[in-house]
Amino acid sequence: DQNPELPNGCEITSAAIVLNCLGFAAGKVELAEQYLPKGLYW
């Protein structure tokens, strides 16, 4: 579940879903905060 921590984090949560399926202990918040490139939305 991407919520409640990542209300707009479907992409990085989906990545966490696949990584965990492949045997990694990848947290959605860890991926979002530490690895995902971000910028001003507009």
ModelCIF file with pLDDT and N, C-alpha, C, O atoms, coordinates in Angstrom:
data_MODEL
#
_entry.id   MODEL 
#
_entity.id                         1 
_entity.type                       polymer 
_entity.pdbx_number_of_molecules   1 
#
_entity_poly.entity_id                      1 
_entity_poly.type                           'polypeptide(L)' 
_entity_poly.nstd_linkage                   no 
_entity_poly.nstd_monomer                   no 
_entity_poly.pdbx_seq_one_letter_code       DQNPELPNGCEITSAAIVLNCLGFAAGKVELAEQYLPKGLYW 
_entity_poly.pdbx_seq_one_letter_code_can   DQNPELPNGCEITSAAIVLNCLGFAAGKVELAEQYLPKGLYW 
_entity_poly.pdbx_strand_id                 A 
#
loop_
_entity_poly_seq.entity_id 
_entity_poly_seq.num 
_entity_poly_seq.mon_id 
_entity_poly_seq.hetero 
1 1  ASP n 
1 2  GLN n 
1 3  ASN n 
1 4  PRO n 
1 5  GLU n 
1 6  LEU n 
1 7  PRO n 
1 8  ASN n 
1 9  GLY n 
1 10 CYS n 
1 11 GLU n 
1 12 ILE n 
1 13 THR n 
1 14 SER n 
1 15 ALA n 
1 16 ALA n 
1 17 ILE n 
1 18 VAL n 
1 19 LEU n 
1 20 ASN n 
1 21 CYS n 
1 22 LEU n 
1 23 GLY n 
1 24 PHE n 
1 25 ALA n 
1 26 ALA n 
1 27 GLY n 
1 28 LYS n 
1 29 VAL n 
1 30 GLU n 
1 31 LEU n 
1 32 ALA n 
1 33 GLU n 
1 34 GLN n 
1 35 TYR n 
1 36 LEU n 
1 37 PRO n 
1 38 LYS n 
1 39 GLY n 
1 40 LEU n 
1 41 TYR n 
1 42 TRP n 
#
_struct_asym.id          A 
_struct_asym.entity_id   1 
#
loop_
_ma_qa_metric.id 
_ma_qa_metric.mode 
_ma_qa_metric.name 
_ma_qa_metric.software_group_id 
_ma_qa_metric.type 
1 global pLDDT . pLDDT 
2 local  pLDDT . pLDDT 
#
_ma_qa_metric_global.metric_id      1 
_ma_qa_metric_global.metric_value   97.57 
_ma_qa_metric_global.model_id       1 
_ma_qa_metric_global.ordinal_id     1 
#
loop_
_ma_qa_metric_local.label_asym_id 
_ma_qa_metric_local.label_comp_id 
_ma_qa_metric_local.label_seq_id 
_ma_qa_metric_local.metric_id 
_ma_qa_metric_local.metric_value 
_ma_qa_metric_local.model_id 
_ma_qa_metric_local.ordinal_id 
A ASP 1  2 98.00 1 1  
A GLN 2  2 98.00 1 2  
A ASN 3  2 98.00 1 3  
A PRO 4  2 98.00 1 4  
A GLU 5  2 98.00 1 5  
A LEU 6  2 98.00 1 6  
A PRO 7  2 98.00 1 7  
A ASN 8  2 98.00 1 8  
A GLY 9  2 98.00 1 9  
A CYS 10 2 98.00 1 10 
A GLU 11 2 98.00 1 11 
A ILE 12 2 98.00 1 12 
A THR 13 2 98.00 1 13 
A SER 14 2 98.00 1 14 
A ALA 15 2 98.00 1 15 
A ALA 16 2 98.00 1 16 
A ILE 17 2 98.00 1 17 
A VAL 18 2 98.00 1 18 
A LEU 19 2 98.00 1 19 
A ASN 20 2 97.00 1 20 
A CYS 21 2 97.00 1 21 
A LEU 22 2 96.00 1 22 
A GLY 23 2 95.00 1 23 
A PHE 24 2 97.00 1 24 
A ALA 25 2 96.00 1 25 
A ALA 26 2 97.00 1 26 
A GLY 27 2 98.00 1 27 
A LYS 28 2 98.00 1 28 
A VAL 29 2 98.00 1 29 
A GLU 30 2 98.00 1 30 
A LEU 31 2 98.00 1 31 
A ALA 32 2 98.00 1 32 
A GLU 33 2 98.00 1 33 
A GLN 34 2 98.00 1 34 
A TYR 35 2 98.00 1 35 
A LEU 36 2 98.00 1 36 
A PRO 37 2 98.00 1 37 
A LYS 38 2 98.00 1 38 
A GLY 39 2 97.00 1 39 
A LEU 40 2 97.00 1 40 
A TYR 41 2 96.00 1 41 
A TRP 42 2 95.00 1 42 
#
loop_
_atom_site.group_PDB 
_atom_site.id 
_atom_site.type_symbol 
_atom_site.label_atom_id 
_atom_site.label_alt_id 
_atom_site.label_comp_id 
_atom_site.label_asym_id 
_atom_site.label_entity_id 
_atom_site.label_seq_id 
_atom_site.pdbx_PDB_ins_code 
_atom_site.Cartn_x 
_atom_site.Cartn_y 
_atom_site.Cartn_z 
_atom_site.occupancy 
_atom_site.B_iso_or_equiv 
_atom_site.pdbx_formal_charge 
_atom_site.auth_seq_id 
_atom_site.auth_comp_id 
_atom_site.auth_asym_id 
_atom_site.auth_atom_id 
_atom_site.pdbx_PDB_model_num 
ATOM 1   N N  . ASP A 1 1  ? 0.851  -1.190  0.000   1.00 98.00 ? 1  ASP A N  1 
ATOM 2   C CA . ASP A 1 1  ? 0.000  0.000   0.000   1.00 98.00 ? 1  ASP A CA 1 
ATOM 3   C C  . ASP A 1 1  ? 0.890  1.244   0.000   1.00 98.00 ? 1  ASP A C  1 
ATOM 4   O O  . ASP A 1 1  ? 1.740  1.397   0.877   1.00 98.00 ? 1  ASP A O  1 
ATOM 5   N N  . GLN A 1 2  ? 0.700  2.128   -0.975  1.00 98.00 ? 2  GLN A N  1 
ATOM 6   C CA . GLN A 1 2  ? 1.500  3.359   -1.007  1.00 98.00 ? 2  GLN A CA 1 
ATOM 7   C C  . GLN A 1 2  ? 1.114  4.327   0.096   1.00 98.00 ? 2  GLN A C  1 
ATOM 8   O O  . GLN A 1 2  ? 1.925  5.162   0.497   1.00 98.00 ? 2  GLN A O  1 
ATOM 9   N N  . ASN A 1 3  ? -0.107 4.229   0.592   1.00 98.00 ? 3  ASN A N  1 
ATOM 10  C CA . ASN A 1 3  ? -0.599 5.104   1.650   1.00 98.00 ? 3  ASN A CA 1 
ATOM 11  C C  . ASN A 1 3  ? -0.306 4.515   3.023   1.00 98.00 ? 3  ASN A C  1 
ATOM 12  O O  . ASN A 1 3  ? -0.179 3.297   3.154   1.00 98.00 ? 3  ASN A O  1 
ATOM 13  N N  . PRO A 1 4  ? -0.196 5.352   4.043   1.00 98.00 ? 4  PRO A N  1 
ATOM 14  C CA . PRO A 1 4  ? -0.398 6.811   4.019   1.00 98.00 ? 4  PRO A CA 1 
ATOM 15  C C  . PRO A 1 4  ? 0.867  7.608   3.719   1.00 98.00 ? 4  PRO A C  1 
ATOM 16  O O  . PRO A 1 4  ? 0.807  8.819   3.507   1.00 98.00 ? 4  PRO A O  1 
ATOM 17  N N  . GLU A 1 5  ? 2.023  6.921   3.702   1.00 98.00 ? 5  GLU A N  1 
ATOM 18  C CA . GLU A 1 5  ? 3.288  7.664   3.605   1.00 98.00 ? 5  GLU A CA 1 
ATOM 19  C C  . GLU A 1 5  ? 3.483  8.345   2.247   1.00 98.00 ? 5  GLU A C  1 
ATOM 20  O O  . GLU A 1 5  ? 4.054  9.434   2.176   1.00 98.00 ? 5  GLU A O  1 
ATOM 21  N N  . LEU A 1 6  ? 3.015  7.712   1.178   1.00 98.00 ? 6  LEU A N  1 
ATOM 22  C CA . LEU A 1 6  ? 3.283  8.213   -0.169  1.00 98.00 ? 6  LEU A CA 1 
ATOM 23  C C  . LEU A 1 6  ? 1.978  8.338   -0.964  1.00 98.00 ? 6  LEU A C  1 
ATOM 24  O O  . LEU A 1 6  ? 1.703  7.511   -1.833  1.00 98.00 ? 6  LEU A O  1 
ATOM 25  N N  . PRO A 1 7  ? 1.176  9.362   -0.672  1.00 98.00 ? 7  PRO A N  1 
ATOM 26  C CA . PRO A 1 7  ? -0.122 9.480   -1.348  1.00 98.00 ? 7  PRO A CA 1 
ATOM 27  C C  . PRO A 1 7  ? -0.011 9.633   -2.864  1.00 98.00 ? 7  PRO A C  1 
ATOM 28  O O  . PRO A 1 7  ? -0.960 9.330   -3.587  1.00 98.00 ? 7  PRO A O  1 
ATOM 29  N N  . ASN A 1 8  ? 1.139  10.100  -3.350  1.00 98.00 ? 8  ASN A N  1 
ATOM 30  C CA . ASN A 1 8  ? 1.357  10.193  -4.789  1.00 98.00 ? 8  ASN A CA 1 
ATOM 31  C C  . ASN A 1 8  ? 2.537  9.334   -5.238  1.00 98.00 ? 8  ASN A C  1 
ATOM 32  O O  . ASN A 1 8  ? 3.198  9.633   -6.232  1.00 98.00 ? 8  ASN A O  1 
ATOM 33  N N  . GLY A 1 9  ? 2.783  8.277   -4.497  1.00 98.00 ? 9  GLY A N  1 
ATOM 34  C CA . GLY A 1 9  ? 3.975  7.464   -4.758  1.00 98.00 ? 9  GLY A CA 1 
ATOM 35  C C  . GLY A 1 9  ? 3.717  6.128   -5.403  1.00 98.00 ? 9  GLY A C  1 
ATOM 36  O O  . GLY A 1 9  ? 4.366  5.141   -5.059  1.00 98.00 ? 9  GLY A O  1 
ATOM 37  N N  . CYS A 1 10 ? 2.775  6.072   -6.340  1.00 98.00 ? 10 CYS A N  1 
ATOM 38  C CA . CYS A 1 10 ? 2.468  4.780   -6.951  1.00 98.00 ? 10 CYS A CA 1 
ATOM 39  C C  . CYS A 1 10 ? 3.639  4.209   -7.734  1.00 98.00 ? 10 CYS A C  1 
ATOM 40  O O  . CYS A 1 10 ? 3.849  2.996   -7.737  1.00 98.00 ? 10 CYS A O  1 
ATOM 41  N N  . GLU A 1 11 ? 4.408  5.072   -8.402  1.00 98.00 ? 11 GLU A N  1 
ATOM 42  C CA . GLU A 1 11 ? 5.506  4.572   -9.236  1.00 98.00 ? 11 GLU A CA 1 
ATOM 43  C C  . GLU A 1 11 ? 6.607  3.935   -8.391  1.00 98.00 ? 11 GLU A C  1 
ATOM 44  O O  . GLU A 1 11 ? 7.041  2.817   -8.669  1.00 98.00 ? 11 GLU A O  1 
ATOM 45  N N  . ILE A 1 12 ? 7.056  4.648   -7.361  1.00 98.00 ? 12 ILE A N  1 
ATOM 46  C CA . ILE A 1 12 ? 8.149  4.117   -6.558  1.00 98.00 ? 12 ILE A CA 1 
ATOM 47  C C  . ILE A 1 12 ? 7.668  2.975   -5.665  1.00 98.00 ? 12 ILE A C  1 
ATOM 48  O O  . ILE A 1 12 ? 8.456  2.091   -5.328  1.00 98.00 ? 12 ILE A O  1 
ATOM 49  N N  . THR A 1 13 ? 6.398  2.975   -5.276  1.00 98.00 ? 13 THR A N  1 
ATOM 50  C CA . THR A 1 13 ? 5.861  1.844   -4.523  1.00 98.00 ? 13 THR A CA 1 
ATOM 51  C C  . THR A 1 13 ? 5.777  0.615   -5.413  1.00 98.00 ? 13 THR A C  1 
ATOM 52  O O  . THR A 1 13 ? 6.061  -0.495  -4.962  1.00 98.00 ? 13 THR A O  1 
ATOM 53  N N  . SER A 1 14 ? 5.391  0.797   -6.671  1.00 98.00 ? 14 SER A N  1 
ATOM 54  C CA . SER A 1 14 ? 5.385  -0.333  -7.609  1.00 98.00 ? 14 SER A CA 1 
ATOM 55  C C  . SER A 1 14 ? 6.782  -0.893  -7.776  1.00 98.00 ? 14 SER A C  1 
ATOM 56  O O  . SER A 1 14 ? 6.959  -2.107  -7.878  1.00 98.00 ? 14 SER A O  1 
ATOM 57  N N  . ALA A 1 15 ? 7.782  -0.011  -7.805  1.00 98.00 ? 15 ALA A N  1 
ATOM 58  C CA . ALA A 1 15 ? 9.167  -0.489  -7.880  1.00 98.00 ? 15 ALA A CA 1 
ATOM 59  C C  . ALA A 1 15 ? 9.518  -1.307  -6.647  1.00 98.00 ? 15 ALA A C  1 
ATOM 60  O O  . ALA A 1 15 ? 10.189 -2.334  -6.752  1.00 98.00 ? 15 ALA A O  1 
ATOM 61  N N  . ALA A 1 16 ? 9.065  -0.857  -5.477  1.00 98.00 ? 16 ALA A N  1 
ATOM 62  C CA . ALA A 1 16 ? 9.317  -1.607  -4.247  1.00 98.00 ? 16 ALA A CA 1 
ATOM 63  C C  . ALA A 1 16 ? 8.636  -2.965  -4.291  1.00 98.00 ? 16 ALA A C  1 
ATOM 64  O O  . ALA A 1 16 ? 9.200  -3.957  -3.830  1.00 98.00 ? 16 ALA A O  1 
ATOM 65  N N  . ILE A 1 17 ? 7.431  -3.018  -4.840  1.00 98.00 ? 17 ILE A N  1 
ATOM 66  C CA . ILE A 1 17 ? 6.712  -4.288  -4.969  1.00 98.00 ? 17 ILE A CA 1 
ATOM 67  C C  . ILE A 1 17 ? 7.541  -5.286  -5.767  1.00 98.00 ? 17 ILE A C  1 
ATOM 68  O O  . ILE A 1 17 ? 7.703  -6.434  -5.353  1.00 98.00 ? 17 ILE A O  1 
ATOM 69  N N  . VAL A 1 18 ? 8.065  -4.850  -6.910  1.00 98.00 ? 18 VAL A N  1 
ATOM 70  C CA . VAL A 1 18 ? 8.838  -5.760  -7.759  1.00 98.00 ? 18 VAL A CA 1 
ATOM 71  C C  . VAL A 1 18 ? 10.163 -6.126  -7.103  1.00 98.00 ? 18 VAL A C  1 
ATOM 72  O O  . VAL A 1 18 ? 10.558 -7.292  -7.121  1.00 98.00 ? 18 VAL A O  1 
ATOM 73  N N  . LEU A 1 19 ? 10.850 -5.153  -6.530  1.00 98.00 ? 19 LEU A N  1 
ATOM 74  C CA . LEU A 1 19 ? 12.119 -5.449  -5.877  1.00 98.00 ? 19 LEU A CA 1 
ATOM 75  C C  . LEU A 1 19 ? 11.945 -6.453  -4.743  1.00 98.00 ? 19 LEU A C  1 
ATOM 76  O O  . LEU A 1 19 ? 12.761 -7.361  -4.584  1.00 98.00 ? 19 LEU A O  1 
ATOM 77  N N  . ASN A 1 20 ? 10.897 -6.296  -3.965  1.00 97.00 ? 20 ASN A N  1 
ATOM 78  C CA . ASN A 1 20 ? 10.649 -7.249  -2.883  1.00 97.00 ? 20 ASN A CA 1 
ATOM 79  C C  . ASN A 1 20 ? 10.306 -8.622  -3.423  1.00 97.00 ? 20 ASN A C  1 
ATOM 80  O O  . ASN A 1 20 ? 10.686 -9.637  -2.840  1.00 97.00 ? 20 ASN A O  1 
ATOM 81  N N  . CYS A 1 21 ? 9.588  -8.657  -4.537  1.00 97.00 ? 21 CYS A N  1 
ATOM 82  C CA . CYS A 1 21 ? 9.287  -9.930  -5.178  1.00 97.00 ? 21 CYS A CA 1 
ATOM 83  C C  . CYS A 1 21 ? 10.568 -10.633 -5.610  1.00 97.00 ? 21 CYS A C  1 
ATOM 84  O O  . CYS A 1 21 ? 10.649 -11.861 -5.574  1.00 97.00 ? 21 CYS A O  1 
ATOM 85  N N  . LEU A 1 22 ? 11.559 -9.862  -6.015  1.00 96.00 ? 22 LEU A N  1 
ATOM 86  C CA . LEU A 1 22 ? 12.825 -10.419 -6.473  1.00 96.00 ? 22 LEU A CA 1 
ATOM 87  C C  . LEU A 1 22 ? 13.779 -10.739 -5.326  1.00 96.00 ? 22 LEU A C  1 
ATOM 88  O O  . LEU A 1 22 ? 14.892 -11.213 -5.550  1.00 96.00 ? 22 LEU A O  1 
ATOM 89  N N  . GLY A 1 23 ? 13.335 -10.476 -4.090  1.00 95.00 ? 23 GLY A N  1 
ATOM 90  C CA . GLY A 1 23 ? 14.127 -10.883 -2.940  1.00 95.00 ? 23 GLY A CA 1 
ATOM 91  C C  . GLY A 1 23 ? 14.853 -9.782  -2.209  1.00 95.00 ? 23 GLY A C  1 
ATOM 92  O O  . GLY A 1 23 ? 15.640 -10.059 -1.304  1.00 95.00 ? 23 GLY A O  1 
ATOM 93  N N  . PHE A 1 24 ? 14.605 -8.520  -2.583  1.00 97.00 ? 24 PHE A N  1 
ATOM 94  C CA . PHE A 1 24 ? 15.256 -7.403  -1.919  1.00 97.00 ? 24 PHE A CA 1 
ATOM 95  C C  . PHE A 1 24 ? 14.358 -6.855  -0.804  1.00 97.00 ? 24 PHE A C  1 
ATOM 96  O O  . PHE A 1 24 ? 13.136 -6.994  -0.852  1.00 97.00 ? 24 PHE A O  1 
ATOM 97  N N  . ALA A 1 25 ? 14.976 -6.238  0.186   1.00 96.00 ? 25 ALA A N  1 
ATOM 98  C CA . ALA A 1 25 ? 14.223 -5.613  1.279   1.00 96.00 ? 25 ALA A CA 1 
ATOM 99  C C  . ALA A 1 25 ? 14.161 -4.111  1.020   1.00 96.00 ? 25 ALA A C  1 
ATOM 100 O O  . ALA A 1 25 ? 14.683 -3.309  1.794   1.00 96.00 ? 25 ALA A O  1 
ATOM 101 N N  . ALA A 1 26 ? 13.518 -3.754  -0.072  1.00 97.00 ? 26 ALA A N  1 
ATOM 102 C CA . ALA A 1 26 ? 13.457 -2.355  -0.497  1.00 97.00 ? 26 ALA A CA 1 
ATOM 103 C C  . ALA A 1 26 ? 12.212 -1.689  0.082   1.00 97.00 ? 26 ALA A C  1 
ATOM 104 O O  . ALA A 1 26 ? 11.091 -2.117  -0.194  1.00 97.00 ? 26 ALA A O  1 
ATOM 105 N N  . GLY A 1 27 ? 12.405 -0.651  0.875   1.00 98.00 ? 27 GLY A N  1 
ATOM 106 C CA . GLY A 1 27 ? 11.281 0.082   1.431   1.00 98.00 ? 27 GLY A CA 1 
ATOM 107 C C  . GLY A 1 27 ? 10.827 1.179   0.488   1.00 98.00 ? 27 GLY A C  1 
ATOM 108 O O  . GLY A 1 27 ? 11.655 1.847   -0.134  1.00 98.00 ? 27 GLY A O  1 
ATOM 109 N N  . LYS A 1 28 ? 9.532  1.371   0.375   1.00 98.00 ? 28 LYS A N  1 
ATOM 110 C CA . LYS A 1 28 ? 9.004  2.398   -0.525  1.00 98.00 ? 28 LYS A CA 1 
ATOM 111 C C  . LYS A 1 28 ? 9.473  3.787   -0.129  1.00 98.00 ? 28 LYS A C  1 
ATOM 112 O O  . LYS A 1 28 ? 9.827  4.591   -0.991  1.00 98.00 ? 28 LYS A O  1 
ATOM 113 N N  . VAL A 1 29 ? 9.478  4.080   1.171   1.00 98.00 ? 29 VAL A N  1 
ATOM 114 C CA . VAL A 1 29 ? 9.900  5.400   1.637   1.00 98.00 ? 29 VAL A CA 1 
ATOM 115 C C  . VAL A 1 29 ? 11.397 5.587   1.420   1.00 98.00 ? 29 VAL A C  1 
ATOM 116 O O  . VAL A 1 29 ? 11.839 6.662   1.015   1.00 98.00 ? 29 VAL A O  1 
ATOM 117 N N  . GLU A 1 30 ? 12.165 4.557   1.685   1.00 98.00 ? 30 GLU A N  1 
ATOM 118 C CA . GLU A 1 30 ? 13.609 4.618   1.430   1.00 98.00 ? 30 GLU A CA 1 
ATOM 119 C C  . GLU A 1 30 ? 13.876 4.930   -0.037  1.00 98.00 ? 30 GLU A C  1 
ATOM 120 O O  . GLU A 1 30 ? 14.692 5.800   -0.343  1.00 98.00 ? 30 GLU A O  1 
ATOM 121 N N  . LEU A 1 31 ? 13.205 4.236   -0.943  1.00 98.00 ? 31 LEU A N  1 
ATOM 122 C CA . LEU A 1 31 ? 13.397 4.486   -2.372  1.00 98.00 ? 31 LEU A CA 1 
ATOM 123 C C  . LEU A 1 31 ? 12.992 5.911   -2.745  1.00 98.00 ? 31 LEU A C  1 
ATOM 124 O O  . LEU A 1 31 ? 13.681 6.582   -3.515  1.00 98.00 ? 31 LEU A O  1 
ATOM 125 N N  . ALA A 1 32 ? 11.864 6.366   -2.189  1.00 98.00 ? 32 ALA A N  1 
ATOM 126 C CA . ALA A 1 32 ? 11.365 7.703   -2.522  1.00 98.00 ? 32 ALA A CA 1 
ATOM 127 C C  . ALA A 1 32 ? 12.272 8.800   -1.997  1.00 98.00 ? 32 ALA A C  1 
ATOM 128 O O  . ALA A 1 32 ? 12.543 9.776   -2.696  1.00 98.00 ? 32 ALA A O  1 
ATOM 129 N N  . GLU A 1 33 ? 12.740 8.643   -0.771  1.00 98.00 ? 33 GLU A N  1 
ATOM 130 C CA . GLU A 1 33 ? 13.521 9.708   -0.139  1.00 98.00 ? 33 GLU A CA 1 
ATOM 131 C C  . GLU A 1 33 ? 14.977 9.717   -0.592  1.00 98.00 ? 33 GLU A C  1 
ATOM 132 O O  . GLU A 1 33 ? 15.558 10.785  -0.783  1.00 98.00 ? 33 GLU A O  1 
ATOM 133 N N  . GLN A 1 34 ? 15.570 8.540   -0.765  1.00 98.00 ? 34 GLN A N  1 
ATOM 134 C CA . GLN A 1 34 ? 17.006 8.464   -0.976  1.00 98.00 ? 34 GLN A CA 1 
ATOM 135 C C  . GLN A 1 34 ? 17.416 8.297   -2.436  1.00 98.00 ? 34 GLN A C  1 
ATOM 136 O O  . GLN A 1 34 ? 18.551 8.619   -2.787  1.00 98.00 ? 34 GLN A O  1 
ATOM 137 N N  . TYR A 1 35 ? 16.537 7.809   -3.287  1.00 98.00 ? 35 TYR A N  1 
ATOM 138 C CA . TYR A 1 35 ? 16.963 7.443   -4.635  1.00 98.00 ? 35 TYR A CA 1 
ATOM 139 C C  . TYR A 1 35 ? 16.164 8.098   -5.766  1.00 98.00 ? 35 TYR A C  1 
ATOM 140 O O  . TYR A 1 35 ? 16.684 8.242   -6.872  1.00 98.00 ? 35 TYR A O  1 
ATOM 141 N N  . LEU A 1 36 ? 14.934 8.491   -5.519  1.00 98.00 ? 36 LEU A N  1 
ATOM 142 C CA . LEU A 1 36 ? 14.085 8.998   -6.593  1.00 98.00 ? 36 LEU A CA 1 
ATOM 143 C C  . LEU A 1 36 ? 14.424 10.449  -6.927  1.00 98.00 ? 36 LEU A C  1 
ATOM 144 O O  . LEU A 1 36 ? 14.362 11.302  -6.042  1.00 98.00 ? 36 LEU A O  1 
ATOM 145 N N  . PRO A 1 37 ? 14.782 10.758  -8.182  1.00 98.00 ? 37 PRO A N  1 
ATOM 146 C CA . PRO A 1 37 ? 14.981 12.168  -8.566  1.00 98.00 ? 37 PRO A CA 1 
ATOM 147 C C  . PRO A 1 37 ? 13.668 12.934  -8.467  1.00 98.00 ? 37 PRO A C  1 
ATOM 148 O O  . PRO A 1 37 ? 12.627 12.440  -8.898  1.00 98.00 ? 37 PRO A O  1 
ATOM 149 N N  . LYS A 1 38 ? 13.712 14.148  -7.896  1.00 98.00 ? 38 LYS A N  1 
ATOM 150 C CA . LYS A 1 38 ? 12.507 14.943  -7.686  1.00 98.00 ? 38 LYS A CA 1 
ATOM 151 C C  . LYS A 1 38 ? 12.754 16.393  -8.090  1.00 98.00 ? 38 LYS A C  1 
ATOM 152 O O  . LYS A 1 38 ? 13.894 16.857  -8.104  1.00 98.00 ? 38 LYS A O  1 
ATOM 153 N N  . GLY A 1 39 ? 11.682 17.099  -8.416  1.00 97.00 ? 39 GLY A N  1 
ATOM 154 C CA . GLY A 1 39 ? 11.798 18.508  -8.769  1.00 97.00 ? 39 GLY A CA 1 
ATOM 155 C C  . GLY A 1 39 ? 10.481 19.222  -8.575  1.00 97.00 ? 39 GLY A C  1 
ATOM 156 O O  . GLY A 1 39 ? 9.480  18.597  -8.226  1.00 97.00 ? 39 GLY A O  1 
ATOM 157 N N  . LEU A 1 40 ? 10.468 20.523  -8.798  1.00 97.00 ? 40 LEU A N  1 
ATOM 158 C CA . LEU A 1 40 ? 9.243  21.309  -8.676  1.00 97.00 ? 40 LEU A CA 1 
ATOM 159 C C  . LEU A 1 40 ? 8.236  20.828  -9.720  1.00 97.00 ? 40 LEU A C  1 
ATOM 160 O O  . LEU A 1 40 ? 8.558  20.751  -10.906 1.00 97.00 ? 40 LEU A O  1 
ATOM 161 N N  . TYR A 1 41 ? 7.033  20.508  -9.286  1.00 96.00 ? 41 TYR A N  1 
ATOM 162 C CA . TYR A 1 41 ? 6.102  19.813  -10.167 1.00 96.00 ? 41 TYR A CA 1 
ATOM 163 C C  . TYR A 1 41 ? 5.723  20.619  -11.401 1.00 96.00 ? 41 TYR A C  1 
ATOM 164 O O  . TYR A 1 41 ? 5.384  20.042  -12.434 1.00 96.00 ? 41 TYR A O  1 
ATOM 165 N N  . TRP A 1 42 ? 5.774  21.944  -11.309 1.00 95.00 ? 42 TRP A N  1 
ATOM 166 C CA . TRP A 1 42 ? 5.312  22.767  -12.424 1.00 95.00 ? 42 TRP A CA 1 
ATOM 167 C C  . TRP A 1 42 ? 6.411  23.046  -13.448 1.00 95.00 ? 42 TRP A C  1 
ATOM 168 O O  . TRP A 1 42 ? 6.168  23.728  -14.443 1.00 95.00 ? 42 TRP A O  1 
#
